[in-house]
PDB file of N, CA and C in Angstrom:
ATOM      1  N   MET A   1      37.110-219.885-199.487  1.00  0.00           N
ATOM      2  CA  MET A   1      38.152-220.814-199.895  1.00  0.00           C
ATOM      3  C   MET A   1      38.182-220.958-201.416  1.00  0.00           C
ATOM      4  N   GLN A   2      36.989-220.989-202.043  1.00  0.00           N
ATOM      5  CA  GLN A   2      36.933-221.149-203.485  1.00  0.00           C
ATOM      6  C   GLN A   2      37.552-219.944-204.201  1.00  0.00           C
ATOM      7  N   GLN A   3      37.319-218.736-203.687  1.00  0.00           N
ATOM      8  CA  GLN A   3      37.895-217.545-204.302  1.00  0.00           C
ATOM      9  C   GLN A   3      39.415-217.549-204.159  1.00  0.00           C
ATOM     10  N   TRP A   4      39.922-217.953-203.000  1.00  0.00           N
ATOM     11  CA  TRP A   4      41.369-218.011-202.806  1.00  0.00           C
ATOM     12  C   TRP A   4      41.986-219.016-203.769  1.00  0.00           C
ATOM     13  N   LEU A   5      41.354-220.181-203.905  1.00  0.00           N
ATOM     14  CA  LEU A   5      41.871-221.209-204.802  1.00  0.00           C
ATOM     15  C   LEU A   5      41.822-220.733-206.247  1.00  0.00           C
ATOM     16  N   ASN A   6      40.790-219.999-206.610  1.00  0.00           N
ATOM     17  CA  ASN A   6      40.672-219.470-207.963  1.00  0.00           C
ATOM     18  C   ASN A   6      41.795-218.473-208.254  1.00  0.00           C
ATOM     19  N   GLN A   7      42.086-217.602-207.332  1.00  0.00           N
ATOM     20  CA  GLN A   7      43.085-216.564-207.565  1.00  0.00           C
ATOM     21  C   GLN A   7      44.513-217.063-207.405  1.00  0.00           C
ATOM     22  N   HIS A   8      44.706-218.159-206.715  1.00  0.00           N
ATOM     23  CA  HIS A   8      46.051-218.677-206.484  1.00  0.00           C
ATOM     24  C   HIS A   8      46.213-220.075-207.060  1.00  0.00           C
ATOM     25  N   SER A   9      45.506-220.389-208.128  1.00  0.00           N
ATOM     26  CA  SER A   9      45.540-221.735-208.696  1.00  0.00           C
ATOM     27  C   SER A   9      46.908-222.083-209.262  1.00  0.00           C
ATOM     28  N   PHE A  10      47.621-221.106-209.847  1.00  0.00           N
ATOM     29  CA  PHE A  10      48.956-221.393-210.375  1.00  0.00           C
ATOM     30  C   PHE A  10      49.899-221.782-209.252  1.00  0.00           C
ATOM     31  N   LEU A  11      49.844-221.056-208.156  1.00  0.00           N
ATOM     32  CA  LEU A  11      50.693-221.373-207.008  1.00  0.00           C
ATOM     33  C   LEU A  11      50.374-222.762-206.473  1.00  0.00           C
ATOM     34  N   PHE A  12      49.095-223.081-206.360  1.00  0.00           N
ATOM     35  CA  PHE A  12      48.674-224.396-205.862  1.00  0.00           C
ATOM     36  C   PHE A  12      49.162-225.507-206.789  1.00  0.00           C
ATOM     37  N   ALA A  13      48.998-225.329-208.092  1.00  0.00           N
ATOM     38  CA  ALA A  13      49.420-226.336-209.062  1.00  0.00           C
ATOM     39  C   ALA A  13      50.943-226.473-209.083  1.00  0.00           C
ATOM     40  N   ALA A  14      51.655-225.356-208.941  1.00  0.00           N
ATOM     41  CA  ALA A  14      53.117-225.400-208.941  1.00  0.00           C
ATOM     42  C   ALA A  14      53.645-226.162-207.734  1.00  0.00           C
ATOM     43  N   VAL A  15      53.097-225.877-206.566  1.00  0.00           N
ATOM     44  CA  VAL A  15      53.530-226.581-205.352  1.00  0.00           C
ATOM     45  C   VAL A  15      53.204-228.063-205.462  1.00  0.00           C
ATOM     46  N   ALA A  16      52.034-228.383-205.986  1.00  0.00           N
ATOM     47  CA  ALA A  16      51.660-229.788-206.158  1.00  0.00           C
ATOM     48  C   ALA A  16      52.606-230.494-207.123  1.00  0.00           C
ATOM     49  N   ALA A  17      52.962-229.841-208.219  1.00  0.00           N
ATOM     50  CA  ALA A  17      53.877-230.437-209.197  1.00  0.00           C
ATOM     51  C   ALA A  17      55.256-230.673-208.587  1.00  0.00           C
ATOM     52  N   ILE A  18      55.745-229.714-207.814  1.00  0.00           N
ATOM     53  CA  ILE A  18      57.057-229.867-207.179  1.00  0.00           C
ATOM     54  C   ILE A  18      57.033-231.002-206.169  1.00  0.00           C
ATOM     55  N   LEU A  19      55.982-231.074-205.367  1.00  0.00           N
ATOM     56  CA  LEU A  19      55.893-232.141-204.367  1.00  0.00           C
ATOM     57  C   LEU A  19      55.761-233.517-205.012  1.00  0.00           C
ATOM     58  N   ILE A  20      54.978-233.619-206.075  1.00  0.00           N
ATOM     59  CA  ILE A  20      54.825-234.901-206.756  1.00  0.00           C
ATOM     60  C   ILE A  20      56.145-235.334-207.390  1.00  0.00           C
ATOM     61  N   LEU A  21      56.823-234.412-208.057  1.00  0.00           N
ATOM     62  CA  LEU A  21      58.120-234.737-208.660  1.00  0.00           C
ATOM     63  C   LEU A  21      59.136-235.123-207.594  1.00  0.00           C
ATOM     64  N   ALA A  22      59.158-234.398-206.493  1.00  0.00           N
ATOM     65  CA  ALA A  22      60.096-234.718-205.415  1.00  0.00           C
ATOM     66  C   ALA A  22      59.795-236.090-204.825  1.00  0.00           C
ATOM     67  N   ALA A  23      58.526-236.426-204.648  1.00  0.00           N
ATOM     68  CA  ALA A  23      58.167-237.732-204.093  1.00  0.00           C
ATOM     69  C   ALA A  23      58.593-238.858-205.023  1.00  0.00           C
ATOM     70  N   ILE A  24      58.447-238.649-206.321  1.00  0.00           N
ATOM     71  CA  ILE A  24      58.827-239.685-207.283  1.00  0.00           C
ATOM     72  C   ILE A  24      60.348-239.826-207.362  1.00  0.00           C
ATOM     73  N   LEU A  25      61.043-238.705-207.447  1.00  0.00           N
ATOM     74  CA  LEU A  25      62.490-238.764-207.654  1.00  0.00           C
ATOM     75  C   LEU A  25      63.271-239.140-206.399  1.00  0.00           C
ATOM     76  N   LEU A  26      62.793-238.747-205.246  1.00  0.00           N
ATOM     77  CA  LEU A  26      63.571-238.943-204.028  1.00  0.00           C
ATOM     78  C   LEU A  26      63.218-240.244-203.300  1.00  0.00           C
ATOM     79  N   ARG A  27      62.482-241.149-203.940  1.00  0.00           N
ATOM     80  CA  ARG A  27      62.154-242.429-203.316  1.00  0.00           C
ATOM     81  C   ARG A  27      63.390-243.278-203.062  1.00  0.00           C
ATOM     82  N   ASP A  28      64.343-243.222-203.975  1.00  0.00           N
ATOM     83  CA  ASP A  28      65.526-244.062-203.861  1.00  0.00           C
ATOM     84  C   ASP A  28      66.756-243.307-203.359  1.00  0.00           C
ATOM     85  N   GLY A  29      66.536-242.194-202.723  1.00  0.00           N
ATOM     86  CA  GLY A  29      67.650-241.405-202.186  1.00  0.00           C
ATOM     87  C   GLY A  29      67.875-240.135-202.990  1.00  0.00           C
ATOM     88  N   VAL A  30      68.709-239.290-202.440  1.00  0.00           N
ATOM     89  CA  VAL A  30      68.987-237.998-203.060  1.00  0.00           C
ATOM     90  C   VAL A  30      70.210-238.130-203.965  1.00  0.00           C
ATOM     91  N   ARG A  31      70.000-237.827-205.253  1.00  0.00           N
ATOM     92  CA  ARG A  31      71.098-237.818-206.221  1.00  0.00           C
ATOM     93  C   ARG A  31      71.163-236.426-206.838  1.00  0.00           C
ATOM     94  N   PRO A  32      72.332-236.040-207.304  1.00  0.00           N
ATOM     95  CA  PRO A  32      72.436-234.709-207.932  1.00  0.00           C
ATOM     96  C   PRO A  32      71.478-234.520-209.108  1.00  0.00           C
ATOM     97  N   SER A  33      71.238-235.564-209.880  1.00  0.00           N
ATOM     98  CA  SER A  33      70.325-235.434-211.029  1.00  0.00           C
ATOM     99  C   SER A  33      68.887-235.183-210.565  1.00  0.00           C
ATOM    100  N   ASP A  34      68.518-235.759-209.428  1.00  0.00           N
ATOM    101  CA  ASP A  34      67.181-235.510-208.878  1.00  0.00           C
ATOM    102  C   ASP A  34      67.030-234.047-208.469  1.00  0.00           C
ATOM    103  N   LEU A  35      68.032-233.532-207.802  1.00  0.00           N
ATOM    104  CA  LEU A  35      67.989-232.124-207.381  1.00  0.00           C
ATOM    105  C   LEU A  35      67.999-231.189-208.588  1.00  0.00           C
ATOM    106  N   LEU A  36      68.724-231.575-209.640  1.00  0.00           N
ATOM    107  CA  LEU A  36      68.745-230.773-210.860  1.00  0.00           C
ATOM    108  C   LEU A  36      67.363-230.740-211.516  1.00  0.00           C
ATOM    109  N   ALA A  37      66.678-231.887-211.531  1.00  0.00           N
ATOM    110  CA  ALA A  37      65.340-231.940-212.124  1.00  0.00           C
ATOM    111  C   ALA A  37      64.350-231.089-211.325  1.00  0.00           C
ATOM    112  N   ILE A  38      64.424-231.150-210.024  1.00  0.00           N
ATOM    113  CA  ILE A  38      63.526-230.339-209.190  1.00  0.00           C
ATOM    114  C   ILE A  38      63.838-228.851-209.361  1.00  0.00           C
ATOM    115  N   GLY A  39      65.121-228.531-209.409  1.00  0.00           N
ATOM    116  CA  GLY A  39      65.518-227.138-209.633  1.00  0.00           C
ATOM    117  C   GLY A  39      65.073-226.628-210.998  1.00  0.00           C
ATOM    118  N   ALA A  40      65.167-227.479-212.020  1.00  0.00           N
ATOM    119  CA  ALA A  40      64.725-227.088-213.363  1.00  0.00           C
ATOM    120  C   ALA A  40      63.219-226.842-213.391  1.00  0.00           C
ATOM    121  N   LEU A  41      62.473-227.677-212.679  1.00  0.00           N
ATOM    122  CA  LEU A  41      61.026-227.470-212.596  1.00  0.00           C
ATOM    123  C   LEU A  41      60.713-226.146-211.907  1.00  0.00           C
ATOM    124  N   CYS A  42      61.395-225.875-210.801  1.00  0.00           N
ATOM    125  CA  CYS A  42      61.178-224.610-210.084  1.00  0.00           C
ATOM    126  C   CYS A  42      61.514-223.412-210.970  1.00  0.00           C
ATOM    127  N   LEU A  43      62.633-223.502-211.691  1.00  0.00           N
ATOM    128  CA  LEU A  43      63.033-222.412-212.577  1.00  0.00           C
ATOM    129  C   LEU A  43      62.033-222.235-213.723  1.00  0.00           C
ATOM    130  N   GLY A  44      61.561-223.349-214.274  1.00  0.00           N
ATOM    131  CA  GLY A  44      60.577-223.269-215.354  1.00  0.00           C
ATOM    132  C   GLY A  44      59.261-222.676-214.895  1.00  0.00           C
ATOM    133  N   LEU A  45      58.821-223.049-213.703  1.00  0.00           N
ATOM    134  CA  LEU A  45      57.572-222.490-213.179  1.00  0.00           C
ATOM    135  C   LEU A  45      57.719-220.999-212.871  1.00  0.00           C
ATOM    136  N   ALA A  46      58.871-220.596-212.339  1.00  0.00           N
ATOM    137  CA  ALA A  46      59.107-219.173-212.073  1.00  0.00           C
ATOM    138  C   ALA A  46      59.132-218.381-213.382  1.00  0.00           C
ATOM    139  N   PHE A  47      59.759-218.947-214.410  1.00  0.00           N
ATOM    140  CA  PHE A  47      59.799-218.281-215.716  1.00  0.00           C
ATOM    141  C   PHE A  47      58.400-218.177-216.315  1.00  0.00           C
ATOM    142  N   ALA A  48      57.607-219.248-216.185  1.00  0.00           N
ATOM    143  CA  ALA A  48      56.234-219.226-216.709  1.00  0.00           C
ATOM    144  C   ALA A  48      55.396-218.175-215.999  1.00  0.00           C
ATOM    145  N   TYR A  49      55.555-218.061-214.687  1.00  0.00           N
ATOM    146  CA  TYR A  49      54.783-217.062-213.950  1.00  0.00           C
ATOM    147  C   TYR A  49      55.218-215.645-214.348  1.00  0.00           C
ATOM    148  N   ALA A  50      56.517-215.451-214.517  1.00  0.00           N
ATOM    149  CA  ALA A  50      57.003-214.125-214.915  1.00  0.00           C
ATOM    150  C   ALA A  50      56.523-213.759-216.313  1.00  0.00           C
ATOM    151  N   LEU A  51      56.466-214.747-217.192  1.00  0.00           N
ATOM    152  CA  LEU A  51      56.060-214.490-218.564  1.00  0.00           C
ATOM    153  C   LEU A  51      54.546-214.349-218.706  1.00  0.00           C
ATOM    154  N   LEU A  52      53.797-215.169-217.978  1.00  0.00           N
ATOM    155  CA  LEU A  52      52.341-215.215-218.149  1.00  0.00           C
ATOM    156  C   LEU A  52      51.570-214.624-216.980  1.00  0.00           C
ATOM    157  N   GLY A  53      52.264-214.089-215.996  1.00  0.00           N
ATOM    158  CA  GLY A  53      51.613-213.599-214.787  1.00  0.00           C
ATOM    159  C   GLY A  53      50.738-212.385-215.026  1.00  0.00           C
ATOM    160  N   PRO A  54      49.977-212.028-214.022  1.00  0.00           N
ATOM    161  CA  PRO A  54      49.071-210.886-214.159  1.00  0.00           C
ATOM    162  C   PRO A  54      49.838-209.582-214.323  1.00  0.00           C
ATOM    163  N   GLY A  55      49.257-208.689-215.065  1.00  0.00           N
ATOM    164  CA  GLY A  55      49.882-207.389-215.279  1.00  0.00           C
ATOM    165  C   GLY A  55      48.845-206.286-215.223  1.00  0.00           C
ATOM    166  N   GLU A  56      49.303-205.106-215.083  1.00  0.00           N
ATOM    167  CA  GLU A  56      48.424-203.942-215.002  1.00  0.00           C
ATOM    168  C   GLU A  56      48.161-203.384-216.397  1.00  0.00           C
ATOM    169  N   SER A  57      47.006-202.793-216.572  1.00  0.00           N
ATOM    170  CA  SER A  57      46.690-202.103-217.811  1.00  0.00           C
ATOM    171  C   SER A  57      47.441-200.788-217.840  1.00  0.00           C
ATOM    172  N   THR A  58      47.742-200.336-219.037  1.00  0.00           N
ATOM    173  CA  THR A  58      48.420-199.050-219.161  1.00  0.00           C
ATOM    174  C   THR A  58      47.388-197.933-219.156  1.00  0.00           C
ATOM    175  N   GLU A  59      47.816-196.758-218.826  1.00  0.00           N
ATOM    176  CA  GLU A  59      46.909-195.597-218.804  1.00  0.00           C
ATOM    177  C   GLU A  59      46.373-195.302-220.199  1.00  0.00           C
ATOM    178  N   ARG A  60      47.169-195.537-221.224  1.00  0.00           N
ATOM    179  CA  ARG A  60      46.728-195.260-222.582  1.00  0.00           C
ATOM    180  C   ARG A  60      45.568-196.171-222.971  1.00  0.00           C
ATOM    181  N   GLU A  61      45.637-197.438-222.577  1.00  0.00           N
ATOM    182  CA  GLU A  61      44.547-198.360-222.885  1.00  0.00           C
ATOM    183  C   GLU A  61      43.262-197.934-222.180  1.00  0.00           C
ATOM    184  N   ILE A  62      43.365-197.541-220.934  1.00  0.00           N
ATOM    185  CA  ILE A  62      42.193-197.126-220.169  1.00  0.00           C
ATOM    186  C   ILE A  62      41.574-195.879-220.784  1.00  0.00           C
ATOM    187  N   ALA A  63      42.402-194.926-221.170  1.00  0.00           N
ATOM    188  CA  ALA A  63      41.887-193.690-221.771  1.00  0.00           C
ATOM    189  C   ALA A  63      41.203-193.981-223.111  1.00  0.00           C
ATOM    190  N   ALA A  64      41.753-194.888-223.897  1.00  0.00           N
ATOM    191  CA  ALA A  64      41.148-195.223-225.192  1.00  0.00           C
ATOM    192  C   ALA A  64      39.796-195.912-224.997  1.00  0.00           C
ATOM    193  N   ILE A  65      39.698-196.759-224.019  1.00  0.00           N
ATOM    194  CA  ILE A  65      38.432-197.450-223.754  1.00  0.00           C
ATOM    195  C   ILE A  65      37.380-196.468-223.264  1.00  0.00           C
ATOM    196  N   ARG A  66      37.768-195.595-222.355  1.00  0.00           N
ATOM    197  CA  ARG A  66      36.802-194.617-221.832  1.00  0.00           C
ATOM    198  C   ARG A  66      36.318-193.672-222.920  1.00  0.00           C
ATOM    199  N   SER A  67      37.164-193.349-223.898  1.00  0.00           N
ATOM    200  CA  SER A  67      36.734-192.448-224.969  1.00  0.00           C
ATOM    201  C   SER A  67      35.744-193.126-225.914  1.00  0.00           C
ATOM    202  N   GLN A  68      35.748-194.466-225.989  1.00  0.00           N
ATOM    203  CA  GLN A  68      34.847-195.187-226.882  1.00  0.00           C
ATOM    204  C   GLN A  68      33.486-195.482-226.252  1.00  0.00           C
ATOM    205  N   ILE A  69      33.406-195.495-224.937  1.00  0.00           N
ATOM    206  CA  ILE A  69      32.159-195.831-224.262  1.00  0.00           C
ATOM    207  C   ILE A  69      31.194-194.648-224.358  1.00  0.00           C
ATOM    208  N   GLY A  70      29.956-194.940-224.730  1.00  0.00           N
ATOM    209  CA  GLY A  70      28.920-193.913-224.760  1.00  0.00           C
ATOM    210  C   GLY A  70      28.924-193.061-226.002  1.00  0.00           C
ATOM    211  N   ARG A  71      29.495-193.504-227.081  1.00  0.00           N
ATOM    212  CA  ARG A  71      29.523-192.716-228.314  1.00  0.00           C
ATOM    213  C   ARG A  71      28.392-193.103-229.256  1.00  0.00           C
ATOM    214  N   GLY A  72      27.352-193.766-228.730  1.00  0.00           N
ATOM    215  CA  GLY A  72      26.205-194.117-229.542  1.00  0.00           C
ATOM    216  C   GLY A  72      26.303-195.466-230.228  1.00  0.00           C
ATOM    217  N   GLN A  73      27.404-196.147-230.079  1.00  0.00           N
ATOM    218  CA  GLN A  73      27.553-197.454-230.699  1.00  0.00           C
ATOM    219  C   GLN A  73      27.652-198.513-229.614  1.00  0.00           C
ATOM    220  N   PRO A  74      27.080-199.688-229.865  1.00  0.00           N
ATOM    221  CA  PRO A  74      27.196-200.757-228.878  1.00  0.00           C
ATOM    222  C   PRO A  74      28.659-201.191-228.732  1.00  0.00           C
ATOM    223  N   ILE A  75      29.013-201.519-227.530  1.00  0.00           N
ATOM    224  CA  ILE A  75      30.383-201.952-227.265  1.00  0.00           C
ATOM    225  C   ILE A  75      30.337-203.138-226.302  1.00  0.00           C
ATOM    226  N   LEU A  76      31.185-204.082-226.533  1.00  0.00           N
ATOM    227  CA  LEU A  76      31.267-205.255-225.678  1.00  0.00           C
ATOM    228  C   LEU A  76      32.358-205.019-224.641  1.00  0.00           C
ATOM    229  N   LEU A  77      31.967-205.060-223.372  1.00  0.00           N
ATOM    230  CA  LEU A  77      32.929-204.922-222.291  1.00  0.00           C
ATOM    231  C   LEU A  77      33.237-206.294-221.729  1.00  0.00           C
ATOM    232  N   GLU A  78      34.509-206.576-221.557  1.00  0.00           N
ATOM    233  CA  GLU A  78      34.932-207.862-221.018  1.00  0.00           C
ATOM    234  C   GLU A  78      35.844-207.576-219.839  1.00  0.00           C
ATOM    235  N   PHE A  79      35.442-208.053-218.675  1.00  0.00           N
ATOM    236  CA  PHE A  79      36.209-207.824-217.463  1.00  0.00           C
ATOM    237  C   PHE A  79      36.993-209.079-217.118  1.00  0.00           C
ATOM    238  N   GLN A  80      38.260-208.897-216.784  1.00  0.00           N
ATOM    239  CA  GLN A  80      39.112-210.024-216.447  1.00  0.00           C
ATOM    240  C   GLN A  80      39.813-209.758-215.142  1.00  0.00           C
ATOM    241  N   SER A  81      40.018-210.807-214.387  1.00  0.00           N
ATOM    242  CA  SER A  81      40.763-210.712-213.137  1.00  0.00           C
ATOM    243  C   SER A  81      42.253-210.701-213.437  1.00  0.00           C
ATOM    244  N   PRO A  82      43.039-209.928-212.701  1.00  0.00           N
ATOM    245  CA  PRO A  82      44.481-209.931-212.936  1.00  0.00           C
ATOM    246  C   PRO A  82      45.153-211.182-212.385  1.00  0.00           C
ATOM    247  N   PHE A  83      44.415-212.142-211.889  1.00  0.00           N
ATOM    248  CA  PHE A  83      45.008-213.367-211.340  1.00  0.00           C
ATOM    249  C   PHE A  83      44.742-214.517-212.269  1.00  0.00           C
TER     250      PHE A  83
END
């Protein structure tokens, strides 16, 4: 469960934010401005995920890294999850 939450934390936080905003705004009934605010939040979160979401490394980057490893000089390797 902890690994799933770690890899899907943005999705969890986004759903929580939408539900909290909907609960606050829709207490007094459904108004067009409330739906617009929820829609804007959804659009903003989708844009943030598209802009900041995980991406693949390019082949050129991988080839450059492999050519530097083992050339007699110390190198710092940093591994990151794509999530």
